[in-house]
Amino acid sequence: MIGYTCIGTNDKPRAMAFYDPLLGLLGAKRFYETERGVGWGISPDQPMFAVNTPFDGAAATVGNGSMVALSVPSQAHVQTMYAKALQLGARDEGAPGPRGGGFYGAYFRDLDGNKLAVFCYTGS
């Protein structure tokens, strides 16, 4: 159902330096780059993740209650993505761990303050 998600940035080069290695852990690569933004994906038939400066020219701000969740295949992937995000300068919002109902996830904020999650289902 989701075709792509887009979050805002006030510093496109800094955002690219953060997301290139982080999303590369999932096998994602850049599918497009414009003056305002860049989008990563695994294949054209799967959802894409994009970062853009706002179209209206105003400063990018984070949404209160907004979050993008990245699905990964295992708990090890959750831990690797979370550690990489923190290594790249992300702020911790919840260390990897079970959250109930077979959901295993971790939370962080990117360099612009956007909240992201990485998660998998463990089947229990």
N, C-alpha and C. Protein backbone atom coordinates (compact mmCIF):
# COMPACT_ATOMS: atom_id res chain seq x y z
N MET A 1 0.80 -1.18 0.00
CA MET A 1 0.00 0.00 0.00
C MET A 1 0.86 1.27 0.00
N ILE A 2 1.96 1.28 0.71
CA ILE A 2 2.82 2.47 0.74
C ILE A 2 3.71 2.46 -0.49
N GLY A 3 3.71 3.56 -1.23
CA GLY A 3 4.58 3.69 -2.39
C GLY A 3 5.92 4.29 -2.02
N TYR A 4 5.87 5.34 -1.19
CA TYR A 4 7.10 5.94 -0.69
C TYR A 4 6.78 6.79 0.53
N THR A 5 7.79 7.06 1.32
CA THR A 5 7.68 8.00 2.42
C THR A 5 8.67 9.11 2.17
N CYS A 6 8.39 10.27 2.67
CA CYS A 6 9.27 11.41 2.49
C CYS A 6 9.35 12.18 3.80
N ILE A 7 10.57 12.49 4.21
CA ILE A 7 10.79 13.31 5.39
C ILE A 7 11.60 14.53 4.98
N GLY A 8 11.54 15.55 5.82
CA GLY A 8 12.23 16.80 5.51
C GLY A 8 13.62 16.87 6.06
N THR A 9 14.44 17.68 5.38
CA THR A 9 15.78 17.98 5.86
C THR A 9 16.08 19.45 5.59
N ASN A 10 16.97 20.00 6.40
CA ASN A 10 17.47 21.34 6.17
C ASN A 10 18.89 21.32 5.64
N ASP A 11 19.44 20.13 5.48
CA ASP A 11 20.82 19.99 5.00
C ASP A 11 20.91 18.70 4.18
N LYS A 12 20.62 18.81 2.89
CA LYS A 12 20.58 17.62 2.03
C LYS A 12 21.91 16.86 2.01
N PRO A 13 23.07 17.51 1.86
CA PRO A 13 24.32 16.75 1.87
C PRO A 13 24.53 15.96 3.17
N ARG A 14 24.20 16.57 4.29
CA ARG A 14 24.35 15.89 5.58
C ARG A 14 23.39 14.71 5.67
N ALA A 15 22.16 14.89 5.19
CA ALA A 15 21.18 13.80 5.21
C ALA A 15 21.65 12.65 4.31
N MET A 16 22.20 12.97 3.16
CA MET A 16 22.70 11.92 2.25
C MET A 16 23.86 11.16 2.90
N ALA A 17 24.74 11.87 3.59
CA ALA A 17 25.87 11.22 4.26
C ALA A 17 25.39 10.30 5.38
N PHE A 18 24.22 10.59 5.96
CA PHE A 18 23.63 9.76 7.00
C PHE A 18 22.91 8.56 6.39
N TYR A 19 22.05 8.80 5.40
CA TYR A 19 21.20 7.74 4.87
C TYR A 19 21.88 6.83 3.85
N ASP A 20 22.88 7.30 3.12
CA ASP A 20 23.57 6.40 2.18
C ASP A 20 24.10 5.15 2.88
N PRO A 21 24.91 5.29 3.95
CA PRO A 21 25.42 4.07 4.60
C PRO A 21 24.35 3.33 5.40
N LEU A 22 23.43 4.07 6.01
CA LEU A 22 22.39 3.42 6.82
C LEU A 22 21.48 2.56 5.94
N LEU A 23 20.93 3.12 4.89
CA LEU A 23 20.02 2.38 4.03
C LEU A 23 20.76 1.36 3.16
N GLY A 24 22.06 1.60 2.96
CA GLY A 24 22.88 0.62 2.25
C GLY A 24 22.93 -0.71 2.98
N LEU A 25 22.77 -0.69 4.31
CA LEU A 25 22.72 -1.94 5.08
C LEU A 25 21.53 -2.80 4.67
N LEU A 26 20.51 -2.19 4.08
CA LEU A 26 19.33 -2.91 3.62
C LEU A 26 19.41 -3.26 2.14
N GLY A 27 20.51 -2.88 1.50
CA GLY A 27 20.65 -3.10 0.07
C GLY A 27 20.00 -2.00 -0.76
N ALA A 28 19.60 -0.91 -0.11
CA ALA A 28 18.98 0.21 -0.83
C ALA A 28 20.05 1.06 -1.50
N LYS A 29 19.65 1.62 -2.63
CA LYS A 29 20.53 2.53 -3.36
C LYS A 29 19.71 3.74 -3.78
N ARG A 30 20.38 4.78 -4.21
CA ARG A 30 19.68 5.98 -4.67
C ARG A 30 18.96 5.68 -5.99
N PHE A 31 17.67 5.99 -6.01
CA PHE A 31 16.88 5.86 -7.23
C PHE A 31 16.73 7.20 -7.93
N TYR A 32 16.80 8.27 -7.17
CA TYR A 32 16.76 9.59 -7.79
C TYR A 32 17.46 10.60 -6.90
N GLU A 33 17.90 11.67 -7.52
CA GLU A 33 18.44 12.81 -6.79
C GLU A 33 18.10 14.06 -7.58
N THR A 34 17.55 15.03 -6.89
CA THR A 34 17.24 16.33 -7.47
C THR A 34 17.92 17.39 -6.63
N GLU A 35 17.76 18.62 -7.01
CA GLU A 35 18.33 19.72 -6.24
C GLU A 35 17.78 19.74 -4.82
N ARG A 36 16.51 19.35 -4.67
CA ARG A 36 15.85 19.39 -3.37
C ARG A 36 15.93 18.10 -2.57
N GLY A 37 16.15 16.97 -3.22
CA GLY A 37 16.09 15.74 -2.44
C GLY A 37 16.68 14.53 -3.11
N VAL A 38 16.56 13.42 -2.38
CA VAL A 38 17.08 12.14 -2.86
C VAL A 38 16.17 11.03 -2.34
N GLY A 39 16.03 9.98 -3.14
CA GLY A 39 15.21 8.84 -2.75
C GLY A 39 15.98 7.54 -2.88
N TRP A 40 15.82 6.66 -1.91
CA TRP A 40 16.49 5.36 -1.89
C TRP A 40 15.46 4.25 -2.00
N GLY A 41 15.87 3.15 -2.60
CA GLY A 41 15.00 2.00 -2.66
C GLY A 41 15.78 0.74 -2.98
N ILE A 42 15.09 -0.37 -2.92
CA ILE A 42 15.70 -1.67 -3.22
C ILE A 42 15.35 -2.09 -4.64
N SER A 43 14.12 -1.81 -5.05
CA SER A 43 13.71 -2.07 -6.43
C SER A 43 12.53 -1.15 -6.75
N PRO A 44 12.29 -0.89 -8.03
CA PRO A 44 11.22 0.03 -8.40
C PRO A 44 9.82 -0.43 -7.97
N ASP A 45 9.64 -1.70 -7.70
CA ASP A 45 8.32 -2.20 -7.31
C ASP A 45 8.14 -2.30 -5.80
N GLN A 46 9.10 -1.77 -5.03
CA GLN A 46 8.99 -1.75 -3.58
C GLN A 46 8.96 -0.29 -3.11
N PRO A 47 8.43 -0.05 -1.90
CA PRO A 47 8.38 1.32 -1.40
C PRO A 47 9.76 1.98 -1.34
N MET A 48 9.77 3.29 -1.51
CA MET A 48 10.99 4.07 -1.50
C MET A 48 10.97 5.01 -0.29
N PHE A 49 12.15 5.39 0.16
CA PHE A 49 12.33 6.33 1.26
C PHE A 49 13.02 7.56 0.69
N ALA A 50 12.47 8.75 0.95
CA ALA A 50 13.03 9.98 0.38
C ALA A 50 13.24 11.03 1.46
N VAL A 51 14.22 11.88 1.22
CA VAL A 51 14.52 13.04 2.06
C VAL A 51 14.57 14.25 1.13
N ASN A 52 13.82 15.28 1.49
CA ASN A 52 13.76 16.49 0.66
C ASN A 52 13.75 17.73 1.51
N THR A 53 14.25 18.83 0.95
CA THR A 53 14.02 20.13 1.55
C THR A 53 12.58 20.50 1.19
N PRO A 54 11.87 21.21 2.05
CA PRO A 54 10.47 21.52 1.79
C PRO A 54 10.26 22.32 0.50
N PHE A 55 9.20 21.98 -0.21
CA PHE A 55 8.86 22.61 -1.47
C PHE A 55 8.59 24.10 -1.30
N ASP A 56 8.00 24.48 -0.15
CA ASP A 56 7.64 25.88 0.05
C ASP A 56 8.82 26.76 0.43
N GLY A 57 10.01 26.18 0.60
CA GLY A 57 11.19 26.96 0.93
C GLY A 57 11.35 27.25 2.41
N ALA A 58 10.36 26.92 3.22
CA ALA A 58 10.46 27.11 4.66
C ALA A 58 11.34 26.01 5.26
N ALA A 59 11.71 26.20 6.51
CA ALA A 59 12.55 25.20 7.19
C ALA A 59 11.79 23.90 7.38
N ALA A 60 12.48 22.79 7.24
CA ALA A 60 11.90 21.48 7.54
C ALA A 60 11.73 21.36 9.05
N THR A 61 10.61 20.81 9.47
CA THR A 61 10.35 20.56 10.87
C THR A 61 9.88 19.13 11.02
N VAL A 62 10.01 18.59 12.21
CA VAL A 62 9.56 17.21 12.46
C VAL A 62 8.10 17.22 12.86
N GLY A 63 7.40 16.15 12.52
CA GLY A 63 6.00 16.03 12.90
C GLY A 63 5.86 15.42 14.28
N ASN A 64 5.03 16.02 15.10
CA ASN A 64 4.78 15.50 16.43
C ASN A 64 3.87 14.28 16.29
N GLY A 65 4.39 13.11 16.60
CA GLY A 65 3.66 11.86 16.44
C GLY A 65 3.95 11.15 15.13
N SER A 66 4.77 11.76 14.26
CA SER A 66 5.13 11.13 12.99
C SER A 66 6.36 10.25 13.17
N MET A 67 6.36 9.13 12.45
CA MET A 67 7.50 8.22 12.50
C MET A 67 7.48 7.36 11.24
N VAL A 68 8.64 7.05 10.73
CA VAL A 68 8.79 6.12 9.62
C VAL A 68 9.40 4.86 10.19
N ALA A 69 8.81 3.70 9.89
CA ALA A 69 9.31 2.42 10.39
C ALA A 69 9.86 1.60 9.24
N LEU A 70 11.09 1.13 9.39
CA LEU A 70 11.77 0.34 8.37
C LEU A 70 11.75 -1.13 8.78
N SER A 71 11.16 -1.96 7.96
CA SER A 71 11.07 -3.39 8.22
C SER A 71 12.36 -4.08 7.83
N VAL A 72 12.89 -4.89 8.73
CA VAL A 72 14.12 -5.65 8.48
C VAL A 72 13.84 -7.13 8.79
N PRO A 73 14.69 -8.04 8.27
CA PRO A 73 14.38 -9.46 8.40
C PRO A 73 14.67 -10.12 9.75
N SER A 74 15.44 -9.46 10.63
CA SER A 74 15.82 -10.18 11.86
C SER A 74 16.18 -9.21 12.98
N GLN A 75 16.26 -9.76 14.19
CA GLN A 75 16.70 -8.98 15.34
C GLN A 75 18.12 -8.47 15.13
N ALA A 76 18.97 -9.28 14.52
CA ALA A 76 20.35 -8.85 14.24
C ALA A 76 20.35 -7.62 13.33
N HIS A 77 19.46 -7.59 12.35
CA HIS A 77 19.37 -6.42 11.47
C HIS A 77 18.90 -5.19 12.24
N VAL A 78 17.95 -5.37 13.15
CA VAL A 78 17.49 -4.26 13.98
C VAL A 78 18.68 -3.69 14.75
N GLN A 79 19.45 -4.57 15.38
CA GLN A 79 20.59 -4.13 16.18
C GLN A 79 21.64 -3.44 15.32
N THR A 80 21.92 -3.98 14.13
CA THR A 80 22.92 -3.40 13.24
C THR A 80 22.49 -2.03 12.75
N MET A 81 21.24 -1.90 12.32
CA MET A 81 20.74 -0.62 11.82
C MET A 81 20.75 0.44 12.92
N TYR A 82 20.31 0.05 14.11
CA TYR A 82 20.28 0.97 15.25
C TYR A 82 21.70 1.44 15.59
N ALA A 83 22.63 0.51 15.68
CA ALA A 83 24.02 0.87 16.01
C ALA A 83 24.61 1.77 14.94
N LYS A 84 24.34 1.49 13.68
CA LYS A 84 24.86 2.31 12.58
C LYS A 84 24.27 3.72 12.65
N ALA A 85 22.98 3.80 12.91
CA ALA A 85 22.34 5.12 13.01
C ALA A 85 23.00 5.95 14.11
N LEU A 86 23.22 5.35 15.28
CA LEU A 86 23.85 6.08 16.38
C LEU A 86 25.29 6.46 16.02
N GLN A 87 26.00 5.56 15.36
CA GLN A 87 27.37 5.84 14.93
C GLN A 87 27.39 7.04 13.98
N LEU A 88 26.35 7.19 13.16
CA LEU A 88 26.27 8.29 12.20
C LEU A 88 25.74 9.58 12.81
N GLY A 89 25.43 9.56 14.10
CA GLY A 89 25.02 10.77 14.78
C GLY A 89 23.55 10.85 15.17
N ALA A 90 22.80 9.77 14.97
CA ALA A 90 21.39 9.75 15.37
C ALA A 90 21.27 9.80 16.89
N ARG A 91 20.11 10.24 17.36
CA ARG A 91 19.82 10.30 18.78
C ARG A 91 18.93 9.12 19.16
N ASP A 92 19.30 8.44 20.23
CA ASP A 92 18.56 7.28 20.73
C ASP A 92 17.16 7.67 21.16
N GLU A 93 16.19 6.85 20.75
CA GLU A 93 14.79 7.01 21.19
C GLU A 93 14.24 5.70 21.73
N GLY A 94 15.09 4.68 21.84
CA GLY A 94 14.66 3.39 22.37
C GLY A 94 15.54 2.28 21.83
N ALA A 95 16.33 1.68 22.69
CA ALA A 95 17.27 0.63 22.29
C ALA A 95 16.54 -0.60 21.77
N PRO A 96 17.24 -1.44 20.99
CA PRO A 96 16.62 -2.66 20.46
C PRO A 96 16.09 -3.55 21.58
N GLY A 97 14.91 -4.10 21.32
CA GLY A 97 14.34 -5.02 22.28
C GLY A 97 12.93 -5.41 21.91
N PRO A 98 12.39 -6.42 22.60
CA PRO A 98 11.01 -6.84 22.35
C PRO A 98 10.05 -5.78 22.86
N ARG A 99 8.97 -5.59 22.10
CA ARG A 99 7.96 -4.60 22.47
C ARG A 99 6.59 -5.24 22.67
N GLY A 100 6.54 -6.58 22.60
CA GLY A 100 5.28 -7.30 22.79
C GLY A 100 4.69 -7.77 21.48
N GLY A 101 3.98 -8.88 21.55
CA GLY A 101 3.30 -9.41 20.37
C GLY A 101 4.22 -9.86 19.26
N GLY A 102 5.44 -10.23 19.59
CA GLY A 102 6.40 -10.68 18.58
C GLY A 102 7.09 -9.54 17.85
N PHE A 103 6.84 -8.31 18.28
CA PHE A 103 7.46 -7.13 17.67
C PHE A 103 8.79 -6.86 18.36
N TYR A 104 9.85 -6.73 17.57
CA TYR A 104 11.19 -6.43 18.09
C TYR A 104 11.65 -5.18 17.36
N GLY A 105 11.96 -4.11 18.09
CA GLY A 105 12.29 -2.87 17.40
C GLY A 105 13.24 -1.99 18.16
N ALA A 106 13.68 -0.94 17.47
CA ALA A 106 14.53 0.10 18.03
C ALA A 106 14.11 1.42 17.40
N TYR A 107 14.39 2.51 18.10
CA TYR A 107 13.94 3.83 17.67
C TYR A 107 15.08 4.84 17.77
N PHE A 108 15.12 5.75 16.81
CA PHE A 108 16.12 6.81 16.83
C PHE A 108 15.62 8.02 16.06
N ARG A 109 16.29 9.14 16.26
CA ARG A 109 16.01 10.36 15.50
C ARG A 109 17.21 10.67 14.62
N ASP A 110 16.93 10.99 13.36
CA ASP A 110 18.01 11.31 12.44
C ASP A 110 18.59 12.67 12.75
N LEU A 111 19.48 13.16 11.93
CA LEU A 111 20.20 14.41 12.20
C LEU A 111 19.29 15.63 12.15
N ASP A 112 18.13 15.52 11.50
CA ASP A 112 17.15 16.61 11.46
C ASP A 112 16.08 16.46 12.54
N GLY A 113 16.14 15.38 13.32
CA GLY A 113 15.17 15.15 14.37
C GLY A 113 13.97 14.30 13.97
N ASN A 114 13.96 13.78 12.74
CA ASN A 114 12.89 12.89 12.31
C ASN A 114 13.00 11.56 13.04
N LYS A 115 11.86 11.05 13.52
CA LYS A 115 11.87 9.79 14.27
C LYS A 115 11.70 8.61 13.32
N LEU A 116 12.56 7.62 13.48
CA LEU A 116 12.50 6.38 12.71
C LEU A 116 12.54 5.19 13.64
N ALA A 117 12.00 4.09 13.14
CA ALA A 117 12.06 2.81 13.83
C ALA A 117 12.61 1.79 12.87
N VAL A 118 13.30 0.80 13.39
CA VAL A 118 13.64 -0.40 12.63
C VAL A 118 13.04 -1.56 13.42
N PHE A 119 12.41 -2.50 12.71
CA PHE A 119 11.70 -3.54 13.42
C PHE A 119 11.64 -4.83 12.61
N CYS A 120 11.33 -5.90 13.32
CA CYS A 120 11.00 -7.18 12.71
C CYS A 120 9.98 -7.87 13.61
N TYR A 121 9.33 -8.85 13.08
CA TYR A 121 8.44 -9.70 13.87
C TYR A 121 9.16 -11.02 14.12
N THR A 122 9.15 -11.42 15.39
CA THR A 122 9.86 -12.64 15.77
C THR A 122 8.96 -13.87 15.75
N GLY A 123 7.67 -13.66 15.55
CA GLY A 123 6.76 -14.78 15.46
C GLY A 123 6.19 -15.25 16.78
N SER A 124 6.54 -14.60 17.89
CA SER A 124 5.97 -15.03 19.16
C SER A 124 5.12 -13.95 19.79
